[in-house]
Amino acid sequence: MHAETATRRSVALELAALGTAALLFIATLRVRPPYVDFALAAAAVALIVATAGRSKQLWRHAPPPVARGAAGARAAALLAGAFTLLALGALAALALLGARSGDATLAARFLNPNFLFAVPLYFAWALLQQFIFQFYFFGRLLHVAPQPVAIAVTAIAFASVHFPRWPVMAVTLVAGLYWTWLYLRHRNLWVLAASHALLGAALHYWVFGRDLLASWLASRPVV
Protein backbone atom coordinates (compact mmCIF):
# COMPACT_ATOMS: atom_id res chain seq x y z
CA MET A 1 0.00 0.00 0.00
CA HIS A 2 2.83 2.36 0.87
CA ALA A 3 4.54 1.64 -2.45
CA GLU A 4 1.30 2.28 -4.34
CA THR A 5 0.80 5.60 -2.55
CA ALA A 6 4.38 6.61 -3.31
CA THR A 7 3.90 5.74 -6.98
CA ARG A 8 0.70 7.80 -7.18
CA ARG A 9 2.41 10.74 -5.53
CA SER A 10 5.41 10.62 -7.84
CA VAL A 11 3.17 10.32 -10.89
CA ALA A 12 1.07 13.28 -9.72
CA LEU A 13 4.20 15.41 -9.26
CA GLU A 14 5.49 14.38 -12.68
CA LEU A 15 2.19 15.30 -14.33
CA ALA A 16 2.06 18.62 -12.48
CA ALA A 17 5.52 19.54 -13.72
CA LEU A 18 4.64 18.46 -17.25
CA GLY A 19 1.38 20.44 -17.16
CA THR A 20 3.15 23.58 -15.95
CA ALA A 21 5.72 23.31 -18.74
CA ALA A 22 2.97 22.76 -21.32
CA LEU A 23 1.02 25.82 -20.13
CA LEU A 24 4.13 27.98 -20.35
CA PHE A 25 4.78 26.67 -23.85
CA ILE A 26 1.23 27.35 -25.01
CA ALA A 27 1.26 30.85 -23.51
CA THR A 28 4.57 31.91 -25.05
CA LEU A 29 4.76 30.08 -28.40
CA ARG A 30 1.36 30.27 -30.05
CA VAL A 31 2.76 30.27 -33.59
CA ARG A 32 6.12 28.62 -33.98
CA PRO A 33 8.51 27.88 -36.85
CA PRO A 34 9.14 24.24 -37.81
CA TYR A 35 12.56 24.09 -36.16
CA VAL A 36 10.88 24.60 -32.78
CA ASP A 37 8.69 21.57 -33.47
CA PHE A 38 11.79 19.55 -34.40
CA ALA A 39 13.49 20.60 -31.17
CA LEU A 40 10.40 19.66 -29.18
CA ALA A 41 10.23 16.33 -31.01
CA ALA A 42 13.85 15.60 -30.10
CA ALA A 43 13.15 16.47 -26.47
CA ALA A 44 10.06 14.25 -26.51
CA VAL A 45 12.05 11.33 -27.93
CA ALA A 46 14.66 11.79 -25.21
CA LEU A 47 11.92 11.86 -22.58
CA ILE A 48 10.29 8.71 -23.92
CA VAL A 49 13.58 6.82 -24.05
CA ALA A 50 14.62 7.95 -20.59
CA THR A 51 11.31 6.94 -19.04
CA ALA A 52 10.53 3.83 -21.12
CA GLY A 53 11.15 1.44 -18.25
CA ARG A 54 8.97 3.40 -15.85
CA SER A 55 6.21 3.75 -18.46
CA LYS A 56 6.12 -0.01 -19.10
CA GLN A 57 6.01 -0.67 -15.39
CA LEU A 58 3.08 1.70 -14.95
CA TRP A 59 1.18 0.12 -17.83
CA ARG A 60 1.57 -3.32 -16.23
CA HIS A 61 -0.81 -2.13 -13.52
CA ALA A 62 -3.36 -0.72 -15.99
CA PRO A 63 -6.45 -2.68 -17.11
CA PRO A 64 -5.38 -5.33 -19.68
CA PRO A 65 -6.35 -4.94 -23.36
CA VAL A 66 -9.54 -6.66 -24.46
CA ALA A 67 -7.62 -8.78 -26.99
CA ARG A 68 -3.98 -9.54 -27.70
CA GLY A 69 -1.90 -10.65 -30.68
CA ALA A 70 -3.31 -10.80 -34.20
CA ALA A 71 -6.92 -10.66 -33.02
CA GLY A 72 -6.26 -7.48 -31.06
CA ALA A 73 -4.41 -5.89 -33.97
CA ARG A 74 -7.29 -6.67 -36.35
CA ALA A 75 -9.86 -5.27 -33.96
CA ALA A 76 -7.82 -2.11 -33.44
CA ALA A 77 -7.37 -1.65 -37.19
CA LEU A 78 -11.09 -2.11 -37.83
CA LEU A 79 -12.13 0.34 -35.13
CA ALA A 80 -9.53 2.90 -36.19
CA GLY A 81 -10.41 2.44 -39.85
CA ALA A 82 -14.14 2.89 -39.26
CA PHE A 83 -13.55 6.07 -37.26
CA THR A 84 -11.12 7.41 -39.86
CA LEU A 85 -13.54 6.83 -42.74
CA LEU A 86 -16.36 8.56 -40.87
CA ALA A 87 -14.10 11.46 -39.95
CA LEU A 88 -12.81 11.79 -43.53
CA GLY A 89 -16.41 12.01 -44.69
CA ALA A 90 -17.10 14.72 -42.10
CA LEU A 91 -14.01 16.68 -43.17
CA ALA A 92 -15.01 16.41 -46.85
CA ALA A 93 -18.47 17.71 -45.95
CA LEU A 94 -16.93 20.61 -44.04
CA ALA A 95 -14.77 21.47 -47.03
CA LEU A 96 -17.81 21.44 -49.34
CA LEU A 97 -19.96 23.49 -46.97
CA GLY A 98 -17.23 26.05 -46.44
CA ALA A 99 -16.48 26.49 -50.13
CA ARG A 100 -17.94 29.42 -51.99
CA SER A 101 -20.13 28.87 -55.01
CA GLY A 102 -17.94 28.20 -58.03
CA ASP A 103 -14.78 27.98 -55.93
CA ALA A 104 -12.17 26.84 -58.42
CA THR A 105 -9.70 25.87 -55.69
CA LEU A 106 -11.96 23.22 -54.15
CA ALA A 107 -11.05 20.52 -56.67
CA ALA A 108 -7.38 21.42 -56.25
CA ARG A 109 -7.67 20.86 -52.50
CA PHE A 110 -8.99 17.33 -52.93
CA LEU A 111 -6.75 16.41 -55.85
CA ASN A 112 -3.48 17.95 -54.66
CA PRO A 113 -0.84 15.23 -55.34
CA ASN A 114 1.24 16.48 -52.42
CA PHE A 115 -1.38 14.96 -50.11
CA LEU A 116 -0.05 11.48 -50.94
CA PHE A 117 3.47 12.50 -49.91
CA ALA A 118 2.39 14.47 -46.85
CA VAL A 119 0.54 11.55 -45.23
CA PRO A 120 3.56 9.21 -44.78
CA LEU A 121 5.69 12.13 -43.58
CA TYR A 122 2.93 13.15 -41.19
CA PHE A 123 2.81 9.55 -39.90
CA ALA A 124 6.14 9.85 -38.08
CA TRP A 125 5.04 13.07 -36.38
CA ALA A 126 1.66 11.53 -35.53
CA LEU A 127 3.27 8.40 -34.04
CA LEU A 128 5.43 10.56 -31.80
CA GLN A 129 2.35 12.44 -30.59
CA GLN A 130 0.50 9.20 -29.85
CA PHE A 131 3.50 8.00 -27.84
CA ILE A 132 3.47 11.21 -25.83
CA PHE A 133 -0.24 11.43 -25.16
CA GLN A 134 -1.49 7.85 -25.14
CA PHE A 135 1.54 5.87 -23.94
CA TYR A 136 3.30 8.38 -21.69
CA PHE A 137 0.68 10.88 -20.50
CA PHE A 138 -2.43 8.69 -20.42
CA GLY A 139 -0.53 5.81 -18.84
CA ARG A 140 0.31 8.05 -15.91
CA LEU A 141 -3.13 9.64 -15.63
CA LEU A 142 -4.67 6.20 -15.12
CA HIS A 143 -2.80 6.02 -11.81
CA VAL A 144 -4.26 9.24 -10.42
CA ALA A 145 -7.74 9.48 -11.99
CA PRO A 146 -10.68 7.24 -12.97
CA GLN A 147 -10.63 5.96 -16.55
CA PRO A 148 -13.28 8.37 -17.96
CA VAL A 149 -11.51 11.34 -16.39
CA ALA A 150 -8.11 10.17 -17.63
CA ILE A 151 -9.46 9.76 -21.17
CA ALA A 152 -11.07 13.21 -21.11
CA VAL A 153 -7.99 14.95 -19.69
CA THR A 154 -5.73 13.27 -22.26
CA ALA A 155 -7.99 14.45 -25.10
CA ILE A 156 -8.15 17.99 -23.68
CA ALA A 157 -4.36 18.08 -23.35
CA PHE A 158 -3.97 16.85 -26.93
CA ALA A 159 -6.37 19.54 -28.18
CA SER A 160 -4.72 22.25 -26.07
CA VAL A 161 -1.32 21.92 -27.74
CA HIS A 162 -3.00 23.17 -30.94
CA PHE A 163 -4.00 26.46 -29.26
CA PRO A 164 -5.01 29.02 -30.55
CA ARG A 165 -6.22 27.21 -33.70
CA TRP A 166 -9.76 26.69 -32.42
CA PRO A 167 -11.08 24.65 -35.37
CA VAL A 168 -8.11 22.29 -35.06
CA MET A 169 -8.64 22.09 -31.30
CA ALA A 170 -12.27 21.08 -31.79
CA VAL A 171 -11.34 18.32 -34.23
CA THR A 172 -8.44 17.04 -32.14
CA LEU A 173 -10.59 16.96 -29.01
CA VAL A 174 -13.03 14.54 -30.64
CA ALA A 175 -10.24 12.48 -32.20
CA GLY A 176 -8.27 12.46 -28.96
CA LEU A 177 -11.22 11.04 -27.03
CA TYR A 178 -11.63 8.19 -29.49
CA TRP A 179 -7.93 7.43 -29.92
CA THR A 180 -7.34 7.35 -26.16
CA TRP A 181 -10.32 5.04 -25.61
CA LEU A 182 -9.07 2.81 -28.43
CA TYR A 183 -5.55 2.68 -27.00
CA LEU A 184 -6.91 1.63 -23.62
CA ARG A 185 -8.75 -1.25 -25.31
CA HIS A 186 -6.02 -2.46 -27.68
CA ARG A 187 -2.64 -0.78 -26.88
CA ASN A 188 -1.88 -0.22 -30.57
CA LEU A 189 -0.18 3.07 -31.40
CA TRP A 190 0.39 2.23 -35.07
CA VAL A 191 -3.28 2.35 -36.06
CA LEU A 192 -3.72 5.57 -34.08
CA ALA A 193 -0.81 7.19 -35.92
CA ALA A 194 -2.18 6.08 -39.30
CA SER A 195 -5.59 7.54 -38.45
CA HIS A 196 -3.96 10.73 -37.16
CA ALA A 197 -1.81 11.17 -40.28
CA LEU A 198 -4.73 10.72 -42.69
CA LEU A 199 -7.08 13.00 -40.77
CA GLY A 200 -4.45 15.64 -40.06
CA ALA A 201 -3.48 15.83 -43.71
CA ALA A 202 -7.13 15.89 -44.84
CA LEU A 203 -7.95 18.69 -42.40
CA HIS A 204 -5.18 20.89 -43.76
CA TYR A 205 -5.52 20.07 -47.46
CA TRP A 206 -9.29 19.73 -47.79
CA VAL A 207 -10.73 22.07 -45.18
CA PHE A 208 -8.05 24.74 -44.79
CA GLY A 209 -6.58 24.52 -48.30
CA ARG A 210 -3.04 24.43 -46.88
CA ASP A 211 -0.33 22.45 -48.62
CA LEU A 212 1.55 20.83 -45.76
CA LEU A 213 4.35 19.46 -47.92
CA ALA A 214 5.02 22.82 -49.54
CA SER A 215 4.94 24.49 -46.14
CA TRP A 216 7.40 21.99 -44.67
CA LEU A 217 9.76 22.33 -47.63
CA ALA A 218 9.62 26.10 -47.35
CA SER A 219 10.20 25.86 -43.57
CA ARG A 220 7.23 28.09 -42.80
CA PRO A 221 5.05 27.63 -39.73
CA VAL A 222 1.55 26.32 -40.36
CA VAL A 223 -0.73 28.73 -38.48
C-alpha atoms as a PDB file:
ATOM      1  CA  MET A   1       0.000   0.000   0.000  1.00  0.00           C
ATOM      2  CA  HIS A   2       2.827   2.360   0.874  1.00  0.00           C
ATOM      3  CA  ALA A   3       4.544   1.636  -2.453  1.00  0.00           C
ATOM      4  CA  GLU A   4       1.304   2.282  -4.341  1.00  0.00           C
ATOM      5  CA  THR A   5       0.797   5.597  -2.551  1.00  0.00           C
ATOM      6  CA  ALA A   6       4.376   6.610  -3.307  1.00  0.00           C
ATOM      7  CA  THR A   7       3.896   5.744  -6.976  1.00  0.00           C
ATOM      8  CA  ARG A   8       0.698   7.796  -7.179  1.00  0.00           C
ATOM      9  CA  ARG A   9       2.411  10.739  -5.527  1.00  0.00           C
ATOM     10  CA  SER A  10       5.415  10.623  -7.835  1.00  0.00           C
ATOM     11  CA  VAL A  11       3.171  10.322 -10.886  1.00  0.00           C
ATOM     12  CA  ALA A  12       1.067  13.280  -9.717  1.00  0.00           C
ATOM     13  CA  LEU A  13       4.196  15.406  -9.256  1.00  0.00           C
ATOM     14  CA  GLU A  14       5.488  14.379 -12.675  1.00  0.00           C
ATOM     15  CA  LEU A  15       2.185  15.299 -14.326  1.00  0.00           C
ATOM     16  CA  ALA A  16       2.056  18.618 -12.478  1.00  0.00           C
ATOM     17  CA  ALA A  17       5.524  19.538 -13.721  1.00  0.00           C
ATOM     18  CA  LEU A  18       4.640  18.460 -17.247  1.00  0.00           C
ATOM     19  CA  GLY A  19       1.385  20.441 -17.155  1.00  0.00           C
ATOM     20  CA  THR A  20       3.145  23.578 -15.950  1.00  0.00           C
ATOM     21  CA  ALA A  21       5.721  23.312 -18.735  1.00  0.00           C
ATOM     22  CA  ALA A  22       2.975  22.763 -21.320  1.00  0.00           C
ATOM     23  CA  LEU A  23       1.019  25.815 -20.135  1.00  0.00           C
ATOM     24  CA  LEU A  24       4.133  27.979 -20.349  1.00  0.00           C
ATOM     25  CA  PHE A  25       4.783  26.666 -23.852  1.00  0.00           C
ATOM     26  CA  ILE A  26       1.225  27.353 -25.012  1.00  0.00           C
ATOM     27  CA  ALA A  27       1.256  30.853 -23.513  1.00  0.00           C
ATOM     28  CA  THR A  28       4.574  31.907 -25.046  1.00  0.00           C
ATOM     29  CA  LEU A  29       4.758  30.077 -28.403  1.00  0.00           C
ATOM     30  CA  ARG A  30       1.359  30.272 -30.051  1.00  0.00           C
ATOM     31  CA  VAL A  31       2.757  30.272 -33.592  1.00  0.00           C
ATOM     32  CA  ARG A  32       6.118  28.624 -33.983  1.00  0.00           C
ATOM     33  CA  PRO A  33       8.508  27.878 -36.846  1.00  0.00           C
ATOM     34  CA  PRO A  34       9.137  24.238 -37.812  1.00  0.00           C
ATOM     35  CA  TYR A  35      12.562  24.094 -36.165  1.00  0.00           C
ATOM     36  CA  VAL A  36      10.883  24.596 -32.777  1.00  0.00           C
ATOM     37  CA  ASP A  37       8.693  21.565 -33.470  1.00  0.00           C
ATOM     38  CA  PHE A  38      11.787  19.548 -34.401  1.00  0.00           C
ATOM     39  CA  ALA A  39      13.494  20.599 -31.167  1.00  0.00           C
ATOM     40  CA  LEU A  40      10.396  19.661 -29.184  1.00  0.00           C
ATOM     41  CA  ALA A  41      10.231  16.327 -31.008  1.00  0.00           C
ATOM     42  CA  ALA A  42      13.855  15.604 -30.097  1.00  0.00           C
ATOM     43  CA  ALA A  43      13.148  16.473 -26.470  1.00  0.00           C
ATOM     44  CA  ALA A  44      10.064  14.251 -26.506  1.00  0.00           C
ATOM     45  CA  VAL A  45      12.047  11.328 -27.929  1.00  0.00           C
ATOM     46  CA  ALA A  46      14.662  11.785 -25.213  1.00  0.00           C
ATOM     47  CA  LEU A  47      11.917  11.860 -22.575  1.00  0.00           C
ATOM     48  CA  ILE A  48      10.286   8.707 -23.918  1.00  0.00           C
ATOM     49  CA  VAL A  49      13.579   6.816 -24.045  1.00  0.00           C
ATOM     50  CA  ALA A  50      14.622   7.953 -20.587  1.00  0.00           C
ATOM     51  CA  THR A  51      11.306   6.935 -19.037  1.00  0.00           C
ATOM     52  CA  ALA A  52      10.530   3.828 -21.116  1.00  0.00           C
ATOM     53  CA  GLY A  53      11.149   1.438 -18.254  1.00  0.00           C
ATOM     54  CA  ARG A  54       8.971   3.403 -15.850  1.00  0.00           C
ATOM     55  CA  SER A  55       6.209   3.745 -18.460  1.00  0.00           C
ATOM     56  CA  LYS A  56       6.125  -0.006 -19.098  1.00  0.00           C
ATOM     57  CA  GLN A  57       6.005  -0.672 -15.387  1.00  0.00           C
ATOM     58  CA  LEU A  58       3.076   1.704 -14.950  1.00  0.00           C
ATOM     59  CA  TRP A  59       1.180   0.116 -17.834  1.00  0.00           C
ATOM     60  CA  ARG A  60       1.566  -3.324 -16.234  1.00  0.00           C
ATOM     61  CA  HIS A  61      -0.811  -2.128 -13.520  1.00  0.00           C
ATOM     62  CA  ALA A  62      -3.359  -0.721 -15.987  1.00  0.00           C
ATOM     63  CA  PRO A  63      -6.446  -2.675 -17.108  1.00  0.00           C
ATOM     64  CA  PRO A  64      -5.383  -5.329 -19.679  1.00  0.00           C
ATOM     65  CA  PRO A  65      -6.352  -4.938 -23.359  1.00  0.00           C
ATOM     66  CA  VAL A  66      -9.540  -6.664 -24.465  1.00  0.00           C
ATOM     67  CA  ALA A  67      -7.615  -8.782 -26.992  1.00  0.00           C
ATOM     68  CA  ARG A  68      -3.978  -9.544 -27.705  1.00  0.00           C
ATOM     69  CA  GLY A  69      -1.901 -10.646 -30.677  1.00  0.00           C
ATOM     70  CA  ALA A  70      -3.309 -10.798 -34.200  1.00  0.00           C
ATOM     71  CA  ALA A  71      -6.916 -10.655 -33.017  1.00  0.00           C
ATOM     72  CA  GLY A  72      -6.255  -7.483 -31.064  1.00  0.00           C
ATOM     73  CA  ALA A  73      -4.409  -5.893 -33.971  1.00  0.00           C
ATOM     74  CA  ARG A  74      -7.290  -6.668 -36.349  1.00  0.00           C
ATOM     75  CA  ALA A  75      -9.863  -5.274 -33.957  1.00  0.00           C
ATOM     76  CA  ALA A  76      -7.817  -2.108 -33.437  1.00  0.00           C
ATOM     77  CA  ALA A  77      -7.372  -1.652 -37.192  1.00  0.00           C
ATOM     78  CA  LEU A  78     -11.093  -2.114 -37.834  1.00  0.00           C
ATOM     79  CA  LEU A  79     -12.127   0.336 -35.131  1.00  0.00           C
ATOM     80  CA  ALA A  80      -9.528   2.899 -36.185  1.00  0.00           C
ATOM     81  CA  GLY A  81     -10.409   2.442 -39.853  1.00  0.00           C
ATOM     82  CA  ALA A  82     -14.136   2.892 -39.261  1.00  0.00           C
ATOM     83  CA  PHE A  83     -13.549   6.070 -37.265  1.00  0.00           C
ATOM     84  CA  THR A  84     -11.123   7.407 -39.859  1.00  0.00           C
ATOM     85  CA  LEU A  85     -13.540   6.833 -42.743  1.00  0.00           C
ATOM     86  CA  LEU A  86     -16.363   8.561 -40.867  1.00  0.00           C
ATOM     87  CA  ALA A  87     -14.101  11.457 -39.948  1.00  0.00           C
ATOM     88  CA  LEU A  88     -12.812  11.793 -43.526  1.00  0.00           C
ATOM     89  CA  GLY A  89     -16.413  12.010 -44.687  1.00  0.00           C
ATOM     90  CA  ALA A  90     -17.103  14.720 -42.104  1.00  0.00           C
ATOM     91  CA  LEU A  91     -14.010  16.682 -43.174  1.00  0.00           C
ATOM     92  CA  ALA A  92     -15.006  16.410 -46.849  1.00  0.00           C
ATOM     93  CA  ALA A  93     -18.471  17.706 -45.952  1.00  0.00           C
ATOM     94  CA  LEU A  94     -16.930  20.613 -44.038  1.00  0.00           C
ATOM     95  CA  ALA A  95     -14.774  21.472 -47.035  1.00  0.00           C
ATOM     96  CA  LEU A  96     -17.809  21.445 -49.343  1.00  0.00           C
ATOM     97  CA  LEU A  97     -19.961  23.488 -46.968  1.00  0.00           C
ATOM     98  CA  GLY A  98     -17.230  26.052 -46.440  1.00  0.00           C
ATOM     99  CA  ALA A  99     -16.481  26.494 -50.125  1.00  0.00           C
ATOM    100  CA  ARG A 100     -17.944  29.420 -51.990  1.00  0.00           C
ATOM    101  CA  SER A 101     -20.128  28.871 -55.012  1.00  0.00           C
ATOM    102  CA  GLY A 102     -17.945  28.201 -58.026  1.00  0.00           C
ATOM    103  CA  ASP A 103     -14.776  27.975 -55.926  1.00  0.00           C
ATOM    104  CA  ALA A 104     -12.165  26.841 -58.423  1.00  0.00           C
ATOM    105  CA  THR A 105      -9.704  25.870 -55.689  1.00  0.00           C
ATOM    106  CA  LEU A 106     -11.965  23.219 -54.151  1.00  0.00           C
ATOM    107  CA  ALA A 107     -11.046  20.519 -56.665  1.00  0.00           C
ATOM    108  CA  ALA A 108      -7.383  21.421 -56.253  1.00  0.00           C
ATOM    109  CA  ARG A 109      -7.668  20.859 -52.504  1.00  0.00           C
ATOM    110  CA  PHE A 110      -8.985  17.329 -52.932  1.00  0.00           C
ATOM    111  CA  LEU A 111      -6.753  16.410 -55.851  1.00  0.00           C
ATOM    112  CA  ASN A 112      -3.476  17.953 -54.665  1.00  0.00           C
ATOM    113  CA  PRO A 113      -0.842  15.232 -55.341  1.00  0.00           C
ATOM    114  CA  ASN A 114       1.243  16.480 -52.416  1.00  0.00           C
ATOM    115  CA  PHE A 115      -1.380  14.960 -50.111  1.00  0.00           C
ATOM    116  CA  LEU A 116      -0.054  11.484 -50.935  1.00  0.00           C
ATOM    117  CA  PHE A 117       3.468  12.496 -49.908  1.00  0.00           C
ATOM    118  CA  ALA A 118       2.394  14.472 -46.849  1.00  0.00           C
ATOM    119  CA  VAL A 119       0.539  11.552 -45.228  1.00  0.00           C
ATOM    120  CA  PRO A 120       3.556   9.212 -44.777  1.00  0.00           C
ATOM    121  CA  LEU A 121       5.692  12.130 -43.578  1.00  0.00           C
ATOM    122  CA  TYR A 122       2.935  13.145 -41.185  1.00  0.00           C
ATOM    123  CA  PHE A 123       2.810   9.549 -39.900  1.00  0.00           C
ATOM    124  CA  ALA A 124       6.140   9.847 -38.084  1.00  0.00           C
ATOM    125  CA  TRP A 125       5.043  13.068 -36.379  1.00  0.00           C
ATOM    126  CA  ALA A 126       1.656  11.526 -35.530  1.00  0.00           C
ATOM    127  CA  LEU A 127       3.273   8.404 -34.040  1.00  0.00           C
ATOM    128  CA  LEU A 128       5.425  10.557 -31.798  1.00  0.00           C
ATOM    129  CA  GLN A 129       2.348  12.441 -30.592  1.00  0.00           C
ATOM    130  CA  GLN A 130       0.505   9.204 -29.848  1.00  0.00           C
ATOM    131  CA  PHE A 131       3.496   7.997 -27.843  1.00  0.00           C
ATOM    132  CA  ILE A 132       3.473  11.206 -25.830  1.00  0.00           C
ATOM    133  CA  PHE A 133      -0.237  11.432 -25.160  1.00  0.00           C
ATOM    134  CA  GLN A 134      -1.488   7.852 -25.138  1.00  0.00           C
ATOM    135  CA  PHE A 135       1.538   5.873 -23.940  1.00  0.00           C
ATOM    136  CA  TYR A 136       3.295   8.380 -21.686  1.00  0.00           C
ATOM    137  CA  PHE A 137       0.680  10.885 -20.498  1.00  0.00           C
ATOM    138  CA  PHE A 138      -2.435   8.692 -20.425  1.00  0.00           C
ATOM    139  CA  GLY A 139      -0.535   5.806 -18.844  1.00  0.00           C
ATOM    140  CA  ARG A 140       0.306   8.053 -15.909  1.00  0.00           C
ATOM    141  CA  LEU A 141      -3.125   9.640 -15.632  1.00  0.00           C
ATOM    142  CA  LEU A 142      -4.665   6.199 -15.121  1.00  0.00           C
ATOM    143  CA  HIS A 143      -2.796   6.018 -11.815  1.00  0.00           C
ATOM    144  CA  VAL A 144      -4.257   9.238 -10.422  1.00  0.00           C
ATOM    145  CA  ALA A 145      -7.741   9.481 -11.992  1.00  0.00           C
ATOM    146  CA  PRO A 146     -10.678   7.238 -12.971  1.00  0.00           C
ATOM    147  CA  GLN A 147     -10.633   5.956 -16.550  1.00  0.00           C
ATOM    148  CA  PRO A 148     -13.282   8.365 -17.957  1.00  0.00           C
ATOM    149  CA  VAL A 149     -11.508  11.342 -16.385  1.00  0.00           C
ATOM    150  CA  ALA A 150      -8.105  10.165 -17.627  1.00  0.00           C
ATOM    151  CA  ILE A 151      -9.462   9.756 -21.165  1.00  0.00           C
ATOM    152  CA  ALA A 152     -11.072  13.214 -21.107  1.00  0.00           C
ATOM    153  CA  VAL A 153      -7.988  14.949 -19.689  1.00  0.00           C
ATOM    154  CA  THR A 154      -5.735  13.274 -22.258  1.00  0.00           C
ATOM    155  CA  ALA A 155      -7.990  14.448 -25.098  1.00  0.00           C
ATOM    156  CA  ILE A 156      -8.148  17.988 -23.677  1.00  0.00           C
ATOM    157  CA  ALA A 157      -4.361  18.083 -23.350  1.00  0.00           C
ATOM    158  CA  PHE A 158      -3.972  16.851 -26.930  1.00  0.00           C
ATOM    159  CA  ALA A 159      -6.369  19.536 -28.179  1.00  0.00           C
ATOM    160  CA  SER A 160      -4.718  22.246 -26.074  1.00  0.00           C
ATOM    161  CA  VAL A 161      -1.321  21.922 -27.741  1.00  0.00           C
ATOM    162  CA  HIS A 162      -2.997  23.171 -30.940  1.00  0.00           C
ATOM    163  CA  PHE A 163      -3.998  26.456 -29.262  1.00  0.00           C
ATOM    164  CA  PRO A 164      -5.011  29.022 -30.549  1.00  0.00           C
ATOM    165  CA  ARG A 165      -6.223  27.214 -33.697  1.00  0.00           C
ATOM    166  CA  TRP A 166      -9.764  26.694 -32.424  1.00  0.00           C
ATOM    167  CA  PRO A 167     -11.082  24.652 -35.374  1.00  0.00           C
ATOM    168  CA  VAL A 168      -8.109  22.291 -35.059  1.00  0.00           C
ATOM    169  CA  MET A 169      -8.635  22.091 -31.302  1.00  0.00           C
ATOM    170  CA  ALA A 170     -12.273  21.079 -31.788  1.00  0.00           C
ATOM    171  CA  VAL A 171     -11.340  18.322 -34.234  1.00  0.00           C
ATOM    172  CA  THR A 172      -8.435  17.038 -32.142  1.00  0.00           C
ATOM    173  CA  LEU A 173     -10.585  16.960 -29.013  1.00  0.00           C
ATOM    174  CA  VAL A 174     -13.026  14.539 -30.639  1.00  0.00           C
ATOM    175  CA  ALA A 175     -10.237  12.478 -32.195  1.00  0.00           C
ATOM    176  CA  GLY A 176      -8.270  12.464 -28.957  1.00  0.00           C
ATOM    177  CA  LEU A 177     -11.216  11.042 -27.032  1.00  0.00           C
ATOM    178  CA  TYR A 178     -11.631   8.191 -29.489  1.00  0.00           C
ATOM    179  CA  TRP A 179      -7.925   7.430 -29.917  1.00  0.00           C
ATOM    180  CA  THR A 180      -7.341   7.346 -26.160  1.00  0.00           C
ATOM    181  CA  TRP A 181     -10.316   5.036 -25.611  1.00  0.00           C
ATOM    182  CA  LEU A 182      -9.072   2.813 -28.426  1.00  0.00           C
ATOM    183  CA  TYR A 183      -5.552   2.685 -27.005  1.00  0.00           C
ATOM    184  CA  LEU A 184      -6.906   1.626 -23.617  1.00  0.00           C
ATOM    185  CA  ARG A 185      -8.748  -1.250 -25.313  1.00  0.00           C
ATOM    186  CA  HIS A 186      -6.019  -2.460 -27.677  1.00  0.00           C
ATOM    187  CA  ARG A 187      -2.637  -0.784 -26.884  1.00  0.00           C
ATOM    188  CA  ASN A 188      -1.876  -0.217 -30.573  1.00  0.00           C
ATOM    189  CA  LEU A 189      -0.176   3.066 -31.403  1.00  0.00           C
ATOM    190  CA  TRP A 190       0.393   2.230 -35.067  1.00  0.00           C
ATOM    191  CA  VAL A 191      -3.279   2.348 -36.056  1.00  0.00           C
ATOM    192  CA  LEU A 192      -3.717   5.571 -34.079  1.00  0.00           C
ATOM    193  CA  ALA A 193      -0.814   7.187 -35.921  1.00  0.00           C
ATOM    194  CA  ALA A 194      -2.185   6.078 -39.301  1.00  0.00           C
ATOM    195  CA  SER A 195      -5.590   7.542 -38.452  1.00  0.00           C
ATOM    196  CA  HIS A 196      -3.955  10.725 -37.161  1.00  0.00           C
ATOM    197  CA  ALA A 197      -1.812  11.168 -40.276  1.00  0.00           C
ATOM    198  CA  LEU A 198      -4.728  10.723 -42.686  1.00  0.00           C
ATOM    199  CA  LEU A 199      -7.081  12.995 -40.775  1.00  0.00           C
ATOM    200  CA  GLY A 200      -4.453  15.638 -40.062  1.00  0.00           C
ATOM    201  CA  ALA A 201      -3.481  15.833 -43.709  1.00  0.00           C
ATOM    202  CA  ALA A 202      -7.129  15.887 -44.837  1.00  0.00           C
ATOM    203  CA  LEU A 203      -7.952  18.687 -42.401  1.00  0.00           C
ATOM    204  CA  HIS A 204      -5.184  20.893 -43.765  1.00  0.00           C
ATOM    205  CA  TYR A 205      -5.518  20.069 -47.457  1.00  0.00           C
ATOM    206  CA  TRP A 206      -9.291  19.729 -47.794  1.00  0.00           C
ATOM    207  CA  VAL A 207     -10.728  22.073 -45.175  1.00  0.00           C
ATOM    208  CA  PHE A 208      -8.049  24.742 -44.789  1.00  0.00           C
ATOM    209  CA  GLY A 209      -6.576  24.524 -48.296  1.00  0.00           C
ATOM    210  CA  ARG A 210      -3.045  24.427 -46.881  1.00  0.00           C
ATOM    211  CA  ASP A 211      -0.333  22.446 -48.615  1.00  0.00           C
ATOM    212  CA  LEU A 212       1.551  20.829 -45.758  1.00  0.00           C
ATOM    213  CA  LEU A 213       4.348  19.458 -47.916  1.00  0.00           C
ATOM    214  CA  ALA A 214       5.022  22.822 -49.539  1.00  0.00           C
ATOM    215  CA  SER A 215       4.941  24.487 -46.136  1.00  0.00           C
ATOM    216  CA  TRP A 216       7.404  21.991 -44.674  1.00  0.00           C
ATOM    217  CA  LEU A 217       9.756  22.328 -47.626  1.00  0.00           C
ATOM    218  CA  ALA A 218       9.617  26.103 -47.350  1.00  0.00           C
ATOM    219  CA  SER A 219      10.195  25.857 -43.565  1.00  0.00           C
ATOM    220  CA  ARG A 220       7.234  28.093 -42.798  1.00  0.00           C
ATOM    221  CA  PRO A 221       5.049  27.633 -39.731  1.00  0.00           C
ATOM    222  CA  VAL A 222       1.547  26.316 -40.361  1.00  0.00           C
ATOM    223  CA  VAL A 223      -0.728  28.727 -38.480  1.00  0.00           C
END
